[in-house]
């Protein structure tokens, strides 16, 4: 199914009223669909798979902002480090250090979001609240001995439980928003939390209601995944 222009314009109007940024999730979608979205004004696209992202980036306009929104393996960071606009799913200390390492090799500071585990499903990734606090203190405290000079933390990301139970969704999004607010008072040269990325096609209105300012929308714009 090609990019759905009318849905995009309606959705963008809705998001503008809440000052929420749209990331168009283009994973598995062909170049033709992405170009149609690009012609409609979309510049931020989200991909889940490294090889697919690399292939698309090389053949599409250079002013596209590519967001990596999937689970990123440390051995594949090097392939997207030179061009990725924002890595949404930094879900482990090991991955954080690898991104910094690859950034240092090419002299590029890489923008990232720290992924929080807020869902009931164990299959989802991310830090818990205690781990987040320890990570911030270890790497982003101005008096820390360990400096990550090629990382810039822009905020948090979280994925809610896959459910139609709005009570659960409200609780999980609200919880992540409370964590986000609790860390906003702390800033440093490479820790500037302004983005709260949560909400997808099925639950974005609830996410926005609970503080999200960035949503990842795929099926509403491109139809069902191939």
N, C-alpha and C. Protein backbone atom coordinates (compact mmCIF):
# COMPACT_ATOMS: atom_id res chain seq x y z
N UNK A 1 0.85 -1.20 0.00
CA UNK A 1 0.00 0.00 0.00
C UNK A 1 0.88 1.24 0.00
N UNK A 2 0.63 2.21 -0.89
CA UNK A 2 1.45 3.42 -0.94
C UNK A 2 1.19 4.34 0.25
N UNK A 3 2.04 5.33 0.37
CA UNK A 3 1.90 6.34 1.42
C UNK A 3 0.54 7.03 1.31
N UNK A 4 -0.12 7.19 2.44
CA UNK A 4 -1.48 7.75 2.46
C UNK A 4 -1.41 9.24 2.78
N UNK A 5 -1.41 10.06 1.74
CA UNK A 5 -1.21 11.50 1.89
C UNK A 5 -2.26 12.16 2.77
N UNK A 6 -3.52 11.82 2.54
CA UNK A 6 -4.59 12.48 3.28
C UNK A 6 -4.46 12.19 4.77
N UNK A 7 -4.14 10.94 5.10
CA UNK A 7 -3.96 10.59 6.51
C UNK A 7 -2.79 11.37 7.11
N UNK A 8 -1.75 11.54 6.33
CA UNK A 8 -0.59 12.28 6.82
C UNK A 8 -0.95 13.72 7.15
N UNK A 9 -1.61 14.40 6.23
CA UNK A 9 -1.95 15.80 6.46
C UNK A 9 -2.90 15.97 7.64
N UNK A 10 -3.84 15.04 7.78
CA UNK A 10 -4.76 15.10 8.93
C UNK A 10 -4.02 14.85 10.24
N UNK A 11 -3.14 13.87 10.21
CA UNK A 11 -2.37 13.53 11.40
C UNK A 11 -1.42 14.66 11.78
N UNK A 12 -0.78 15.25 10.77
CA UNK A 12 0.16 16.32 11.05
C UNK A 12 -0.55 17.53 11.66
N UNK A 13 -1.75 17.81 11.19
CA UNK A 13 -2.53 18.90 11.75
C UNK A 13 -2.87 18.62 13.21
N UNK A 14 -3.21 17.37 13.50
CA UNK A 14 -3.53 16.96 14.87
C UNK A 14 -2.30 17.09 15.78
N UNK A 15 -1.14 16.67 15.28
CA UNK A 15 0.08 16.70 16.07
C UNK A 15 0.59 18.12 16.28
N UNK A 16 0.39 18.97 15.29
CA UNK A 16 0.83 20.36 15.40
C UNK A 16 0.18 21.06 16.59
N UNK A 17 -1.09 20.70 16.83
CA UNK A 17 -1.82 21.34 17.92
C UNK A 17 -1.26 20.97 19.29
N UNK A 18 -0.57 19.84 19.35
CA UNK A 18 0.02 19.40 20.63
C UNK A 18 1.54 19.51 20.63
N UNK A 19 2.08 20.12 19.57
CA UNK A 19 3.54 20.30 19.43
C UNK A 19 4.28 18.97 19.56
N UNK A 20 3.76 17.98 18.86
CA UNK A 20 4.34 16.64 18.87
C UNK A 20 4.98 16.35 17.53
N UNK A 21 6.22 15.84 17.56
CA UNK A 21 6.92 15.54 16.32
C UNK A 21 6.54 14.16 15.81
N UNK A 22 6.37 14.06 14.50
CA UNK A 22 6.02 12.80 13.86
C UNK A 22 7.25 12.13 13.25
N UNK A 23 7.44 10.87 13.59
CA UNK A 23 8.43 10.03 12.92
C UNK A 23 7.65 9.02 12.09
N UNK A 24 7.82 9.06 10.78
CA UNK A 24 7.12 8.13 9.89
C UNK A 24 7.90 6.82 9.83
N UNK A 25 7.30 5.76 10.34
CA UNK A 25 7.98 4.46 10.40
C UNK A 25 7.88 3.78 9.04
N UNK A 26 9.02 3.71 8.37
CA UNK A 26 9.04 3.23 6.98
C UNK A 26 9.66 1.85 6.83
N UNK A 27 9.83 1.14 7.93
CA UNK A 27 10.44 -0.20 7.86
C UNK A 27 9.62 -1.10 6.94
N UNK A 28 10.33 -1.86 6.14
CA UNK A 28 9.79 -2.82 5.14
C UNK A 28 9.09 -2.13 3.97
N UNK A 29 9.01 -0.81 3.97
CA UNK A 29 8.32 -0.11 2.89
C UNK A 29 9.30 0.20 1.75
N UNK A 30 8.83 0.12 0.51
CA UNK A 30 9.71 0.35 -0.63
C UNK A 30 10.10 1.82 -0.78
N UNK A 31 11.15 2.04 -1.54
CA UNK A 31 11.67 3.38 -1.81
C UNK A 31 10.57 4.28 -2.37
N UNK A 32 9.73 3.71 -3.24
CA UNK A 32 8.68 4.51 -3.88
C UNK A 32 7.75 5.14 -2.85
N UNK A 33 7.39 4.37 -1.83
CA UNK A 33 6.50 4.90 -0.77
C UNK A 33 7.18 6.00 0.02
N UNK A 34 8.46 5.80 0.30
CA UNK A 34 9.20 6.81 1.06
C UNK A 34 9.34 8.10 0.26
N UNK A 35 9.58 7.98 -1.04
CA UNK A 35 9.68 9.16 -1.89
C UNK A 35 8.34 9.90 -1.96
N UNK A 36 7.26 9.16 -1.96
CA UNK A 36 5.93 9.79 -1.97
C UNK A 36 5.71 10.55 -0.67
N UNK A 37 6.13 9.95 0.45
CA UNK A 37 6.03 10.62 1.74
C UNK A 37 6.93 11.86 1.77
N UNK A 38 8.12 11.73 1.22
CA UNK A 38 9.07 12.84 1.15
C UNK A 38 8.48 14.00 0.35
N UNK A 39 7.84 13.69 -0.76
CA UNK A 39 7.22 14.72 -1.60
C UNK A 39 6.08 15.43 -0.88
N UNK A 40 5.48 14.74 0.09
CA UNK A 40 4.40 15.33 0.87
C UNK A 40 4.90 16.18 2.03
N UNK A 41 6.20 16.15 2.27
CA UNK A 41 6.80 16.98 3.30
C UNK A 41 7.45 16.25 4.45
N UNK A 42 7.38 14.92 4.46
CA UNK A 42 7.98 14.15 5.55
C UNK A 42 9.51 14.18 5.42
N UNK A 43 10.18 14.45 6.53
CA UNK A 43 11.65 14.43 6.52
C UNK A 43 12.22 13.51 7.60
N UNK A 44 11.40 13.05 8.52
CA UNK A 44 11.89 12.17 9.59
C UNK A 44 11.29 10.78 9.41
N UNK A 45 12.18 9.80 9.17
CA UNK A 45 11.74 8.43 8.94
C UNK A 45 12.40 7.50 9.95
N UNK A 46 11.65 6.50 10.39
CA UNK A 46 12.15 5.54 11.37
C UNK A 46 12.31 4.15 10.77
N UNK A 47 13.45 3.53 11.04
CA UNK A 47 13.74 2.18 10.54
C UNK A 47 14.17 1.28 11.69
N UNK A 48 13.86 -0.02 11.55
CA UNK A 48 14.14 -1.00 12.60
C UNK A 48 15.36 -1.87 12.34
N UNK A 49 15.76 -1.97 11.08
CA UNK A 49 16.81 -2.92 10.71
C UNK A 49 17.98 -2.19 10.07
N UNK A 50 19.18 -2.48 10.55
CA UNK A 50 20.37 -1.74 10.13
C UNK A 50 20.63 -1.84 8.64
N UNK A 51 20.62 -3.05 8.08
CA UNK A 51 20.92 -3.20 6.67
C UNK A 51 19.91 -2.49 5.79
N UNK A 52 18.64 -2.58 6.16
CA UNK A 52 17.59 -1.89 5.41
C UNK A 52 17.79 -0.37 5.47
N UNK A 53 18.14 0.12 6.65
CA UNK A 53 18.38 1.55 6.82
C UNK A 53 19.56 2.01 5.97
N UNK A 54 20.66 1.26 5.99
CA UNK A 54 21.85 1.62 5.22
C UNK A 54 21.53 1.66 3.73
N UNK A 55 20.79 0.66 3.27
CA UNK A 55 20.44 0.60 1.85
C UNK A 55 19.56 1.77 1.44
N UNK A 56 18.59 2.10 2.26
CA UNK A 56 17.69 3.21 1.94
C UNK A 56 18.40 4.55 2.00
N UNK A 57 19.23 4.73 3.01
CA UNK A 57 19.92 6.01 3.19
C UNK A 57 20.80 6.34 1.99
N UNK A 58 21.41 5.33 1.43
CA UNK A 58 22.34 5.56 0.32
C UNK A 58 21.65 5.99 -0.97
N UNK A 59 20.34 5.68 -1.08
CA UNK A 59 19.65 5.97 -2.33
C UNK A 59 18.55 7.00 -2.24
N UNK A 60 18.46 7.69 -1.10
CA UNK A 60 17.38 8.65 -0.90
C UNK A 60 17.96 10.04 -0.58
N UNK A 61 17.14 11.09 -0.66
CA UNK A 61 17.64 12.46 -0.46
C UNK A 61 18.45 12.64 0.82
N UNK A 62 19.48 13.45 0.73
CA UNK A 62 20.43 13.60 1.84
C UNK A 62 19.88 14.41 3.00
N UNK A 63 18.75 15.13 2.79
CA UNK A 63 18.21 15.93 3.90
C UNK A 63 17.20 15.16 4.75
N UNK A 64 17.07 13.86 4.51
CA UNK A 64 16.20 13.03 5.35
C UNK A 64 16.88 12.81 6.70
N UNK A 65 16.10 12.90 7.76
CA UNK A 65 16.57 12.55 9.10
C UNK A 65 16.21 11.10 9.37
N UNK A 66 17.21 10.25 9.50
CA UNK A 66 16.97 8.83 9.72
C UNK A 66 17.02 8.52 11.21
N UNK A 67 15.94 7.94 11.72
CA UNK A 67 15.84 7.56 13.12
C UNK A 67 15.94 6.04 13.20
N UNK A 68 16.84 5.54 14.05
CA UNK A 68 16.86 4.08 14.26
C UNK A 68 16.02 3.78 15.48
N UNK A 69 14.92 3.04 15.26
CA UNK A 69 13.94 2.84 16.33
C UNK A 69 13.86 1.40 16.82
N UNK A 70 14.66 0.52 16.24
CA UNK A 70 14.61 -0.89 16.64
C UNK A 70 15.64 -1.22 17.71
N UNK A 71 15.75 -2.51 18.00
CA UNK A 71 16.76 -2.99 18.95
C UNK A 71 18.10 -3.05 18.22
N UNK A 72 19.05 -2.24 18.67
CA UNK A 72 20.33 -2.10 17.98
C UNK A 72 21.40 -2.98 18.62
N UNK A 73 22.00 -3.84 17.79
CA UNK A 73 23.09 -4.70 18.26
C UNK A 73 24.40 -3.91 18.22
N UNK A 74 25.25 -4.14 19.19
CA UNK A 74 26.49 -3.36 19.29
C UNK A 74 27.38 -3.52 18.06
N UNK A 75 27.40 -4.71 17.47
CA UNK A 75 28.29 -4.94 16.32
C UNK A 75 27.79 -4.28 15.03
N UNK A 76 26.62 -3.63 15.10
CA UNK A 76 26.09 -2.97 13.90
C UNK A 76 26.04 -1.45 14.02
N UNK A 77 26.46 -0.95 15.17
CA UNK A 77 26.44 0.51 15.37
C UNK A 77 27.29 1.22 14.33
N UNK A 78 28.43 0.64 13.99
CA UNK A 78 29.39 1.29 13.07
C UNK A 78 28.79 1.59 11.70
N UNK A 79 27.78 0.83 11.31
CA UNK A 79 27.22 1.01 9.98
C UNK A 79 26.31 2.24 9.89
N UNK A 80 25.71 2.64 11.00
CA UNK A 80 24.79 3.79 10.96
C UNK A 80 25.37 5.03 11.65
N UNK A 81 26.46 4.86 12.37
CA UNK A 81 27.06 5.98 13.12
C UNK A 81 27.36 7.22 12.26
N UNK A 82 27.80 7.05 11.01
CA UNK A 82 28.15 8.25 10.22
C UNK A 82 26.98 9.15 9.84
N UNK A 83 25.75 8.60 9.87
CA UNK A 83 24.64 9.42 9.34
C UNK A 83 23.37 9.42 10.19
N UNK A 84 23.21 8.50 11.12
CA UNK A 84 21.94 8.40 11.85
C UNK A 84 21.64 9.72 12.58
N UNK A 85 20.39 10.15 12.51
CA UNK A 85 19.99 11.42 13.11
C UNK A 85 19.71 11.25 14.60
N UNK A 86 19.03 10.15 14.96
CA UNK A 86 18.70 9.89 16.36
C UNK A 86 18.53 8.40 16.57
N UNK A 87 19.22 7.86 17.56
CA UNK A 87 19.05 6.46 17.96
C UNK A 87 18.07 6.42 19.12
N UNK A 88 16.91 5.82 18.90
CA UNK A 88 15.85 5.86 19.90
C UNK A 88 16.02 4.82 21.01
N UNK A 89 16.66 3.71 20.70
CA UNK A 89 16.60 2.60 21.64
C UNK A 89 17.90 2.22 22.32
N UNK A 90 18.55 3.17 22.98
CA UNK A 90 19.76 2.82 23.74
C UNK A 90 19.30 2.14 25.02
N UNK A 91 19.39 0.82 25.03
CA UNK A 91 18.77 0.03 26.09
C UNK A 91 19.75 -0.68 27.01
N UNK A 92 21.05 -0.39 26.86
CA UNK A 92 22.04 -1.03 27.74
C UNK A 92 23.28 -0.15 27.84
N UNK A 93 24.01 -0.32 28.90
CA UNK A 93 25.27 0.40 29.09
C UNK A 93 26.28 0.01 28.01
N UNK A 94 26.29 -1.27 27.65
CA UNK A 94 27.21 -1.76 26.62
C UNK A 94 26.97 -1.05 25.29
N UNK A 95 25.71 -0.88 24.93
CA UNK A 95 25.37 -0.21 23.67
C UNK A 95 25.77 1.26 23.74
N UNK A 96 25.52 1.90 24.85
CA UNK A 96 25.88 3.30 25.03
C UNK A 96 27.38 3.51 24.79
N UNK A 97 28.19 2.64 25.36
CA UNK A 97 29.64 2.76 25.22
C UNK A 97 30.09 2.50 23.79
N UNK A 98 29.42 1.57 23.11
CA UNK A 98 29.78 1.28 21.72
C UNK A 98 29.43 2.45 20.80
N UNK A 99 28.30 3.08 21.03
CA UNK A 99 27.94 4.25 20.23
C UNK A 99 28.97 5.35 20.42
N UNK A 100 29.39 5.58 21.65
CA UNK A 100 30.42 6.58 21.92
C UNK A 100 31.73 6.22 21.23
N UNK A 101 32.07 4.94 21.26
CA UNK A 101 33.30 4.46 20.61
C UNK A 101 33.27 4.72 19.11
N UNK A 102 32.15 4.39 18.48
CA UNK A 102 32.06 4.58 17.03
C UNK A 102 32.00 6.06 16.68
N UNK A 103 31.35 6.85 17.54
CA UNK A 103 31.32 8.29 17.32
C UNK A 103 32.72 8.89 17.39
N UNK A 104 33.54 8.40 18.33
CA UNK A 104 34.90 8.91 18.48
C UNK A 104 35.77 8.58 17.27
N UNK A 105 35.50 7.45 16.63
CA UNK A 105 36.29 7.04 15.47
C UNK A 105 36.09 7.98 14.28
N UNK A 106 34.89 8.53 14.18
CA UNK A 106 34.59 9.39 13.03
C UNK A 106 34.46 10.86 13.43
N UNK A 107 34.66 11.14 14.72
CA UNK A 107 34.58 12.51 15.19
C UNK A 107 33.19 13.10 15.12
N UNK A 108 32.20 12.28 15.43
CA UNK A 108 30.80 12.74 15.33
C UNK A 108 30.06 12.45 16.63
N UNK A 109 29.43 13.48 17.17
CA UNK A 109 28.62 13.31 18.37
C UNK A 109 27.24 12.80 17.95
N UNK A 110 26.80 11.69 18.53
CA UNK A 110 25.58 11.02 18.10
C UNK A 110 24.46 11.24 19.10
N UNK A 111 23.34 11.73 18.60
CA UNK A 111 22.17 11.98 19.44
C UNK A 111 21.44 10.66 19.74
N UNK A 112 21.03 10.49 21.00
CA UNK A 112 20.41 9.24 21.43
C UNK A 112 19.29 9.50 22.43
N UNK A 113 18.39 8.52 22.51
CA UNK A 113 17.41 8.46 23.58
C UNK A 113 17.68 7.22 24.40
N UNK A 114 17.50 7.29 25.70
CA UNK A 114 17.63 6.12 26.56
C UNK A 114 16.28 5.43 26.62
N UNK A 115 16.28 4.13 26.35
CA UNK A 115 15.02 3.38 26.33
C UNK A 115 14.69 2.83 27.73
N UNK A 116 13.48 3.12 28.16
CA UNK A 116 13.01 2.64 29.46
C UNK A 116 12.07 1.45 29.27
N UNK A 117 12.18 0.48 30.15
CA UNK A 117 11.30 -0.68 30.11
C UNK A 117 10.07 -0.37 30.97
N UNK A 118 8.94 -0.11 30.30
CA UNK A 118 7.73 0.25 31.04
C UNK A 118 6.60 -0.76 30.83
N UNK A 119 6.78 -1.67 29.87
CA UNK A 119 5.71 -2.62 29.53
C UNK A 119 5.74 -3.83 30.44
N UNK A 120 4.64 -4.54 30.45
CA UNK A 120 4.55 -5.78 31.23
C UNK A 120 5.25 -6.93 30.50
N UNK A 121 5.44 -6.79 29.19
CA UNK A 121 6.07 -7.86 28.40
C UNK A 121 7.57 -7.90 28.65
N UNK A 122 8.08 -9.07 28.94
CA UNK A 122 9.51 -9.24 29.20
C UNK A 122 10.32 -9.16 27.91
N UNK A 123 9.66 -9.30 26.75
CA UNK A 123 10.37 -9.29 25.48
C UNK A 123 10.84 -7.89 25.09
N UNK A 124 10.31 -6.88 25.73
CA UNK A 124 10.74 -5.52 25.43
C UNK A 124 12.00 -5.18 26.22
N UNK A 125 12.77 -4.24 25.68
CA UNK A 125 14.07 -3.90 26.24
C UNK A 125 14.02 -2.57 27.01
N UNK A 126 15.11 -2.28 27.73
CA UNK A 126 15.23 -0.98 28.36
C UNK A 126 15.67 -1.01 29.80
N UNK A 127 15.98 0.18 30.32
CA UNK A 127 16.41 0.35 31.70
C UNK A 127 15.20 0.45 32.63
N UNK A 128 15.40 0.08 33.88
CA UNK A 128 14.40 0.42 34.89
C UNK A 128 14.83 1.73 35.54
N UNK A 129 14.03 2.23 36.44
CA UNK A 129 14.28 3.55 37.02
C UNK A 129 15.59 3.60 37.79
N UNK A 130 15.90 2.53 38.53
CA UNK A 130 17.13 2.49 39.31
C UNK A 130 18.36 2.46 38.40
N UNK A 131 18.26 1.67 37.34
CA UNK A 131 19.38 1.58 36.39
C UNK A 131 19.61 2.91 35.68
N UNK A 132 18.54 3.60 35.36
CA UNK A 132 18.67 4.92 34.72
C UNK A 132 19.41 5.89 35.64
N UNK A 133 19.02 5.91 36.89
CA UNK A 133 19.64 6.81 37.86
C UNK A 133 21.14 6.53 37.99
N UNK A 134 21.49 5.24 38.04
CA UNK A 134 22.89 4.85 38.17
C UNK A 134 23.68 5.23 36.92
N UNK A 135 23.05 5.05 35.76
CA UNK A 135 23.70 5.37 34.49
C UNK A 135 23.99 6.87 34.39
N UNK A 136 23.02 7.69 34.76
CA UNK A 136 23.19 9.14 34.71
C UNK A 136 24.32 9.56 35.65
N UNK A 137 24.32 9.00 36.83
CA UNK A 137 25.33 9.37 37.82
C UNK A 137 26.73 8.94 37.38
N UNK A 138 26.81 7.80 36.71
CA UNK A 138 28.11 7.25 36.31
C UNK A 138 28.72 7.99 35.13
N UNK A 139 27.89 8.35 34.15
CA UNK A 139 28.43 8.89 32.90
C UNK A 139 28.13 10.36 32.62
N UNK A 140 27.09 10.90 33.24
CA UNK A 140 26.67 12.25 32.85
C UNK A 140 26.74 13.27 33.98
N UNK A 141 27.18 12.83 35.13
CA UNK A 141 27.43 13.75 36.23
C UNK A 141 28.71 14.54 35.92
N UNK A 142 28.68 15.86 36.04
CA UNK A 142 29.86 16.67 35.70
C UNK A 142 31.13 16.24 36.44
N UNK A 143 30.98 15.64 37.61
CA UNK A 143 32.17 15.25 38.37
C UNK A 143 32.59 13.81 38.07
N UNK A 144 31.91 13.16 37.13
CA UNK A 144 32.25 11.79 36.77
C UNK A 144 33.62 11.72 36.12
N UNK A 145 34.36 10.64 36.40
CA UNK A 145 35.68 10.44 35.80
C UNK A 145 35.59 9.86 34.40
N UNK A 146 34.40 9.35 34.03
CA UNK A 146 34.21 8.73 32.72
C UNK A 146 33.43 9.69 31.83
N UNK A 147 34.03 10.08 30.73
CA UNK A 147 33.39 11.05 29.84
C UNK A 147 32.98 10.37 28.53
N UNK A 148 31.76 10.61 28.14
CA UNK A 148 31.28 10.13 26.85
C UNK A 148 31.14 11.35 25.93
N UNK A 149 32.23 11.69 25.28
CA UNK A 149 32.29 12.93 24.52
C UNK A 149 31.59 12.86 23.17
N UNK A 150 31.20 11.65 22.76
CA UNK A 150 30.59 11.51 21.43
C UNK A 150 29.16 10.98 21.52
N UNK A 151 28.55 11.23 22.67
CA UNK A 151 27.14 10.90 22.92
C UNK A 151 26.42 12.17 23.35
N UNK A 152 25.20 12.33 22.86
CA UNK A 152 24.36 13.41 23.36
C UNK A 152 22.99 12.84 23.67
N UNK A 153 22.65 12.73 24.94
CA UNK A 153 21.36 12.18 25.34
C UNK A 153 20.29 13.26 25.24
N UNK A 154 19.31 12.99 24.37
CA UNK A 154 18.26 13.98 24.09
C UNK A 154 16.97 13.72 24.85
N UNK A 155 16.87 12.55 25.51
CA UNK A 155 15.65 12.26 26.24
C UNK A 155 15.43 10.77 26.43
N UNK A 156 14.16 10.40 26.57
CA UNK A 156 13.79 9.02 26.86
C UNK A 156 12.81 8.47 25.81
N UNK A 157 12.82 7.16 25.67
CA UNK A 157 11.88 6.46 24.81
C UNK A 157 11.32 5.27 25.57
N UNK A 158 10.05 4.95 25.30
CA UNK A 158 9.46 3.77 25.91
C UNK A 158 8.35 3.20 25.06
N UNK A 159 8.18 1.89 25.14
CA UNK A 159 7.12 1.20 24.41
C UNK A 159 6.17 0.55 25.41
N UNK A 160 4.90 0.88 25.28
CA UNK A 160 3.90 0.35 26.21
C UNK A 160 3.54 -1.09 25.87
N UNK A 161 2.84 -1.72 26.78
CA UNK A 161 2.34 -3.08 26.57
C UNK A 161 1.42 -3.10 25.35
N UNK A 162 1.51 -4.16 24.56
CA UNK A 162 0.64 -4.31 23.39
C UNK A 162 -0.73 -4.79 23.88
N UNK A 163 -1.61 -3.85 24.10
CA UNK A 163 -2.91 -4.17 24.66
C UNK A 163 -3.93 -3.10 24.26
N UNK A 164 -5.20 -3.45 24.32
CA UNK A 164 -6.26 -2.48 24.08
C UNK A 164 -6.81 -1.92 25.39
N UNK A 165 -6.23 -2.36 26.49
CA UNK A 165 -6.65 -1.90 27.81
C UNK A 165 -6.08 -0.50 28.05
N UNK A 166 -6.90 0.52 27.92
CA UNK A 166 -6.43 1.89 28.04
C UNK A 166 -5.93 2.21 29.45
N UNK A 167 -6.43 1.50 30.45
CA UNK A 167 -5.97 1.73 31.83
C UNK A 167 -4.49 1.39 31.96
N UNK A 168 -4.09 0.28 31.34
CA UNK A 168 -2.68 -0.14 31.37
C UNK A 168 -1.82 0.87 30.61
N UNK A 169 -2.30 1.28 29.44
CA UNK A 169 -1.55 2.24 28.62
C UNK A 169 -1.38 3.57 29.36
N UNK A 170 -2.44 4.05 29.95
CA UNK A 170 -2.39 5.29 30.72
C UNK A 170 -1.35 5.19 31.83
N UNK A 171 -1.38 4.07 32.54
CA UNK A 171 -0.47 3.88 33.66
C UNK A 171 0.99 3.87 33.21
N UNK A 172 1.28 3.16 32.13
CA UNK A 172 2.66 3.02 31.67
C UNK A 172 3.19 4.33 31.09
N UNK A 173 2.38 5.01 30.29
CA UNK A 173 2.82 6.29 29.72
C UNK A 173 2.98 7.35 30.81
N UNK A 174 2.06 7.36 31.75
CA UNK A 174 2.13 8.31 32.85
C UNK A 174 3.39 8.08 33.69
N UNK A 175 3.71 6.81 33.91
CA UNK A 175 4.89 6.45 34.68
C UNK A 175 6.16 6.95 33.99
N UNK A 176 6.24 6.74 32.67
CA UNK A 176 7.42 7.18 31.94
C UNK A 176 7.53 8.71 31.95
N UNK A 177 6.40 9.38 31.84
CA UNK A 177 6.41 10.83 31.88
C UNK A 177 6.92 11.35 33.24
N UNK A 178 6.57 10.65 34.31
CA UNK A 178 7.04 11.06 35.63
C UNK A 178 8.56 10.90 35.75
N UNK A 179 9.09 9.84 35.14
CA UNK A 179 10.55 9.65 35.14
C UNK A 179 11.22 10.75 34.32
N UNK A 180 10.63 11.02 33.17
CA UNK A 180 11.16 12.06 32.29
C UNK A 180 11.22 13.41 33.01
N UNK A 181 10.17 13.76 33.69
CA UNK A 181 10.13 15.03 34.43
C UNK A 181 11.18 15.06 35.54
N UNK A 182 11.42 13.90 36.14
CA UNK A 182 12.36 13.84 37.26
C UNK A 182 13.80 14.06 36.84
N UNK A 183 14.13 13.80 35.55
CA UNK A 183 15.52 13.96 35.10
C UNK A 183 15.73 15.27 34.35
N UNK A 184 14.66 16.00 34.08
CA UNK A 184 14.81 17.22 33.29
C UNK A 184 15.55 18.32 34.02
N UNK A 185 15.59 18.24 35.33
CA UNK A 185 16.30 19.27 36.09
C UNK A 185 17.81 19.08 36.02
N UNK A 186 18.22 17.90 35.56
CA UNK A 186 19.66 17.62 35.45
C UNK A 186 20.09 17.76 33.99
N UNK A 187 21.02 18.64 33.73
CA UNK A 187 21.57 18.79 32.38
C UNK A 187 23.08 18.91 32.46
N UNK A 188 23.72 18.52 31.40
CA UNK A 188 25.17 18.67 31.29
C UNK A 188 25.50 18.86 29.81
N UNK A 189 26.77 18.89 29.48
CA UNK A 189 27.17 19.14 28.09
C UNK A 189 26.66 18.08 27.13
N UNK A 190 26.43 16.87 27.61
CA UNK A 190 25.96 15.81 26.71
C UNK A 190 24.71 15.09 27.26
N UNK A 191 24.00 15.78 28.13
CA UNK A 191 22.75 15.22 28.68
C UNK A 191 21.73 16.35 28.72
N UNK A 192 20.87 16.38 27.72
CA UNK A 192 19.89 17.47 27.59
C UNK A 192 18.52 16.88 27.26
N UNK A 193 17.82 16.35 28.27
CA UNK A 193 16.57 15.62 28.02
C UNK A 193 15.38 16.53 27.68
N UNK A 194 15.07 16.61 26.39
CA UNK A 194 13.94 17.41 25.94
C UNK A 194 12.91 16.59 25.17
N UNK A 195 13.28 15.35 24.80
CA UNK A 195 12.41 14.50 23.99
C UNK A 195 11.85 13.36 24.83
N UNK A 196 10.54 13.17 24.75
CA UNK A 196 9.90 12.00 25.34
C UNK A 196 9.20 11.28 24.20
N UNK A 197 9.83 10.21 23.70
CA UNK A 197 9.33 9.49 22.54
C UNK A 197 8.52 8.27 23.01
N UNK A 198 7.22 8.37 22.86
CA UNK A 198 6.35 7.23 23.17
C UNK A 198 5.04 7.39 22.42
N UNK A 199 4.50 6.27 21.98
CA UNK A 199 3.26 6.29 21.23
C UNK A 199 3.46 5.86 19.79
N UNK A 200 2.61 4.93 19.34
CA UNK A 200 2.63 4.44 17.97
C UNK A 200 1.23 4.53 17.39
N UNK A 201 1.01 3.92 16.23
CA UNK A 201 -0.27 4.06 15.54
C UNK A 201 -1.46 3.71 16.42
N UNK A 202 -1.31 2.68 17.23
CA UNK A 202 -2.44 2.17 18.01
C UNK A 202 -2.70 2.92 19.31
N UNK A 203 -1.69 3.66 19.81
CA UNK A 203 -1.85 4.25 21.14
C UNK A 203 -1.35 5.69 21.26
N UNK A 204 -1.03 6.31 20.14
CA UNK A 204 -0.41 7.65 20.22
C UNK A 204 -1.28 8.71 20.91
N UNK A 205 -2.64 8.70 20.77
CA UNK A 205 -3.40 9.73 21.48
C UNK A 205 -3.23 9.66 23.00
N UNK A 206 -3.14 8.44 23.54
CA UNK A 206 -2.95 8.27 24.98
C UNK A 206 -1.54 8.72 25.37
N UNK A 207 -0.58 8.42 24.51
CA UNK A 207 0.81 8.82 24.79
C UNK A 207 0.93 10.34 24.83
N UNK A 208 0.31 11.02 23.87
CA UNK A 208 0.37 12.48 23.83
C UNK A 208 -0.32 13.07 25.06
N UNK A 209 -1.43 12.50 25.42
CA UNK A 209 -2.16 12.95 26.62
C UNK A 209 -1.27 12.87 27.85
N UNK A 210 -0.34 11.93 27.84
CA UNK A 210 0.53 11.72 29.00
C UNK A 210 1.94 12.25 28.78
N UNK A 211 2.08 13.24 27.88
CA UNK A 211 3.33 13.98 27.81
C UNK A 211 4.26 13.70 26.65
N UNK A 212 3.92 12.75 25.78
CA UNK A 212 4.80 12.47 24.65
C UNK A 212 4.91 13.67 23.74
N UNK A 213 6.13 13.95 23.25
CA UNK A 213 6.31 15.00 22.25
C UNK A 213 6.95 14.47 20.98
N UNK A 214 6.99 13.13 20.86
CA UNK A 214 7.47 12.49 19.64
C UNK A 214 6.76 11.14 19.51
N UNK A 215 6.13 10.89 18.36
CA UNK A 215 5.42 9.62 18.15
C UNK A 215 5.95 8.93 16.89
N UNK A 216 5.90 7.61 16.90
CA UNK A 216 6.40 6.81 15.80
C UNK A 216 5.20 6.14 15.12
N UNK A 217 4.86 6.62 13.93
CA UNK A 217 3.64 6.19 13.27
C UNK A 217 3.97 5.48 11.96
N UNK A 218 3.50 4.25 11.83
CA UNK A 218 3.75 3.49 10.61
C UNK A 218 2.50 3.13 9.85
N UNK A 219 1.70 2.22 10.41
CA UNK A 219 0.55 1.69 9.68
C UNK A 219 -0.50 2.75 9.34
N UNK A 220 -0.64 3.79 10.14
CA UNK A 220 -1.60 4.84 9.84
C UNK A 220 -1.19 5.63 8.59
N UNK A 221 0.10 5.60 8.26
CA UNK A 221 0.60 6.36 7.12
C UNK A 221 0.89 5.48 5.90
N UNK A 222 1.33 4.27 6.13
CA UNK A 222 1.73 3.40 5.04
C UNK A 222 0.86 2.17 4.88
N UNK A 223 -0.14 2.02 5.72
CA UNK A 223 -0.92 0.80 5.69
C UNK A 223 -0.22 -0.31 6.46
N UNK A 224 -0.77 -1.49 6.42
CA UNK A 224 -0.21 -2.60 7.17
C UNK A 224 1.18 -2.96 6.64
N UNK A 225 2.02 -3.43 7.56
CA UNK A 225 3.40 -3.78 7.24
C UNK A 225 3.46 -4.92 6.22
N UNK A 226 4.43 -4.79 5.29
CA UNK A 226 4.63 -5.86 4.31
C UNK A 226 5.22 -7.09 4.98
